[in-house]
Amino acid sequence: MTIGSSLFLIAAGAILKFAVTTTVSGVDIHTVGLILMIVGGIGLCIGLYLLLRAKPPNVPPDPTRLP
């Protein structure tokens, strides 16, 4: 899951949780919104962790390869 899709899930969940007032029989829309926000938050944390972990280590330049 990428960071963009995580943000989309968080936004869609927030809309369902706080802005939608209609009711559907058999489905609690506020609970679905909360679940989407939680899944989006977990995906965002994992995506940021993988992004920060993928950076190369700080290696000093090789002195034999001067320009």
C-alpha atoms as a PDB file:
ATOM      1  CA  MET A   1       0.000   0.000   0.000  1.00  0.00           C
ATOM      2  CA  THR A   2       1.482   3.322  -0.978  1.00  0.00           C
ATOM      3  CA  ILE A   3       1.332   6.559   0.948  1.00  0.00           C
ATOM      4  CA  GLY A   4      -1.152   8.024  -1.527  1.00  0.00           C
ATOM      5  CA  SER A   5      -3.600   5.168  -1.166  1.00  0.00           C
ATOM      6  CA  SER A   6      -3.267   5.342   2.614  1.00  0.00           C
ATOM      7  CA  LEU A   7      -4.149   9.025   2.566  1.00  0.00           C
ATOM      8  CA  PHE A   8      -7.096   8.229   0.300  1.00  0.00           C
ATOM      9  CA  LEU A   9      -8.371   5.608   2.760  1.00  0.00           C
ATOM     10  CA  ILE A  10      -8.021   8.040   5.650  1.00  0.00           C
ATOM     11  CA  ALA A  11      -9.911  10.750   3.750  1.00  0.00           C
ATOM     12  CA  ALA A  12     -12.665   8.388   2.603  1.00  0.00           C
ATOM     13  CA  GLY A  13     -13.027   7.020   6.120  1.00  0.00           C
ATOM     14  CA  ALA A  14     -13.238  10.514   7.598  1.00  0.00           C
ATOM     15  CA  ILE A  15     -15.942  11.448   5.105  1.00  0.00           C
ATOM     16  CA  LEU A  16     -17.951   8.343   5.981  1.00  0.00           C
ATOM     17  CA  LYS A  17     -17.438   8.842   9.713  1.00  0.00           C
ATOM     18  CA  PHE A  18     -18.115  12.560  10.042  1.00  0.00           C
ATOM     19  CA  ALA A  19     -19.973  13.817   6.955  1.00  0.00           C
ATOM     20  CA  VAL A  20     -22.410  11.107   5.871  1.00  0.00           C
ATOM     21  CA  THR A  21     -25.769  11.144   7.651  1.00  0.00           C
ATOM     22  CA  THR A  22     -27.682   8.540   5.643  1.00  0.00           C
ATOM     23  CA  THR A  23     -28.392   5.072   6.974  1.00  0.00           C
ATOM     24  CA  VAL A  24     -28.090   1.730   5.244  1.00  0.00           C
ATOM     25  CA  SER A  25     -29.828  -1.331   6.625  1.00  0.00           C
ATOM     26  CA  GLY A  26     -27.348  -3.892   7.867  1.00  0.00           C
ATOM     27  CA  VAL A  27     -24.278  -1.629   7.609  1.00  0.00           C
ATOM     28  CA  ASP A  28     -23.113   0.995  10.085  1.00  0.00           C
ATOM     29  CA  ILE A  29     -21.475   3.613   7.875  1.00  0.00           C
ATOM     30  CA  HIS A  30     -19.719   5.292  10.815  1.00  0.00           C
ATOM     31  CA  THR A  31     -18.039   2.007  11.756  1.00  0.00           C
ATOM     32  CA  VAL A  32     -16.944   1.442   8.155  1.00  0.00           C
ATOM     33  CA  GLY A  33     -15.442   4.946   8.147  1.00  0.00           C
ATOM     34  CA  LEU A  34     -13.578   4.264  11.367  1.00  0.00           C
ATOM     35  CA  ILE A  35     -12.216   0.976  10.003  1.00  0.00           C
ATOM     36  CA  LEU A  36     -11.030   2.716   6.821  1.00  0.00           C
ATOM     37  CA  MET A  37      -9.264   5.408   8.852  1.00  0.00           C
ATOM     38  CA  ILE A  38      -7.518   2.793  11.011  1.00  0.00           C
ATOM     39  CA  VAL A  39      -6.406   0.737   8.003  1.00  0.00           C
ATOM     40  CA  GLY A  40      -5.208   3.904   6.255  1.00  0.00           C
ATOM     41  CA  GLY A  41      -3.251   4.967   9.342  1.00  0.00           C
ATOM     42  CA  ILE A  42      -1.574   1.572   9.638  1.00  0.00           C
ATOM     43  CA  GLY A  43      -0.751   1.622   5.919  1.00  0.00           C
ATOM     44  CA  LEU A  44       0.674   5.129   6.231  1.00  0.00           C
ATOM     45  CA  CYS A  45       2.929   4.080   9.117  1.00  0.00           C
ATOM     46  CA  ILE A  46       4.174   1.032   7.207  1.00  0.00           C
ATOM     47  CA  GLY A  47       4.706   3.062   4.032  1.00  0.00           C
ATOM     48  CA  LEU A  48       6.698   5.752   5.837  1.00  0.00           C
ATOM     49  CA  TYR A  49       8.774   3.122   7.625  1.00  0.00           C
ATOM     50  CA  LEU A  50       9.640   1.395   4.362  1.00  0.00           C
ATOM     51  CA  LEU A  51      10.415   4.719   2.699  1.00  0.00           C
ATOM     52  CA  LEU A  52      12.784   5.806   5.467  1.00  0.00           C
ATOM     53  CA  ARG A  53      14.400   2.377   5.734  1.00  0.00           C
ATOM     54  CA  ALA A  54      15.229   2.294   2.021  1.00  0.00           C
ATOM     55  CA  LYS A  55      17.654   5.233   2.201  1.00  0.00           C
ATOM     56  CA  PRO A  56      21.278   4.276   1.574  1.00  0.00           C
ATOM     57  CA  PRO A  57      23.664   4.661   4.496  1.00  0.00           C
ATOM     58  CA  ASN A  58      25.862   7.732   4.715  1.00  0.00           C
ATOM     59  CA  VAL A  59      29.113   6.493   3.214  1.00  0.00           C
ATOM     60  CA  PRO A  60      31.991   8.941   2.915  1.00  0.00           C
ATOM     61  CA  PRO A  61      33.194   9.553  -0.636  1.00  0.00           C
ATOM     62  CA  ASP A  62      36.088   7.495  -1.956  1.00  0.00           C
ATOM     63  CA  PRO A  63      39.238   9.693  -1.849  1.00  0.00           C
ATOM     64  CA  THR A  64      40.772   7.859  -4.821  1.00  0.00           C
ATOM     65  CA  ARG A  65      37.952   9.007  -7.122  1.00  0.00           C
ATOM     66  CA  LEU A  66      38.508  12.754  -6.992  1.00  0.00           C
ATOM     67  CA  PRO A  67      37.365  14.726 -10.047  1.00  0.00           C
END
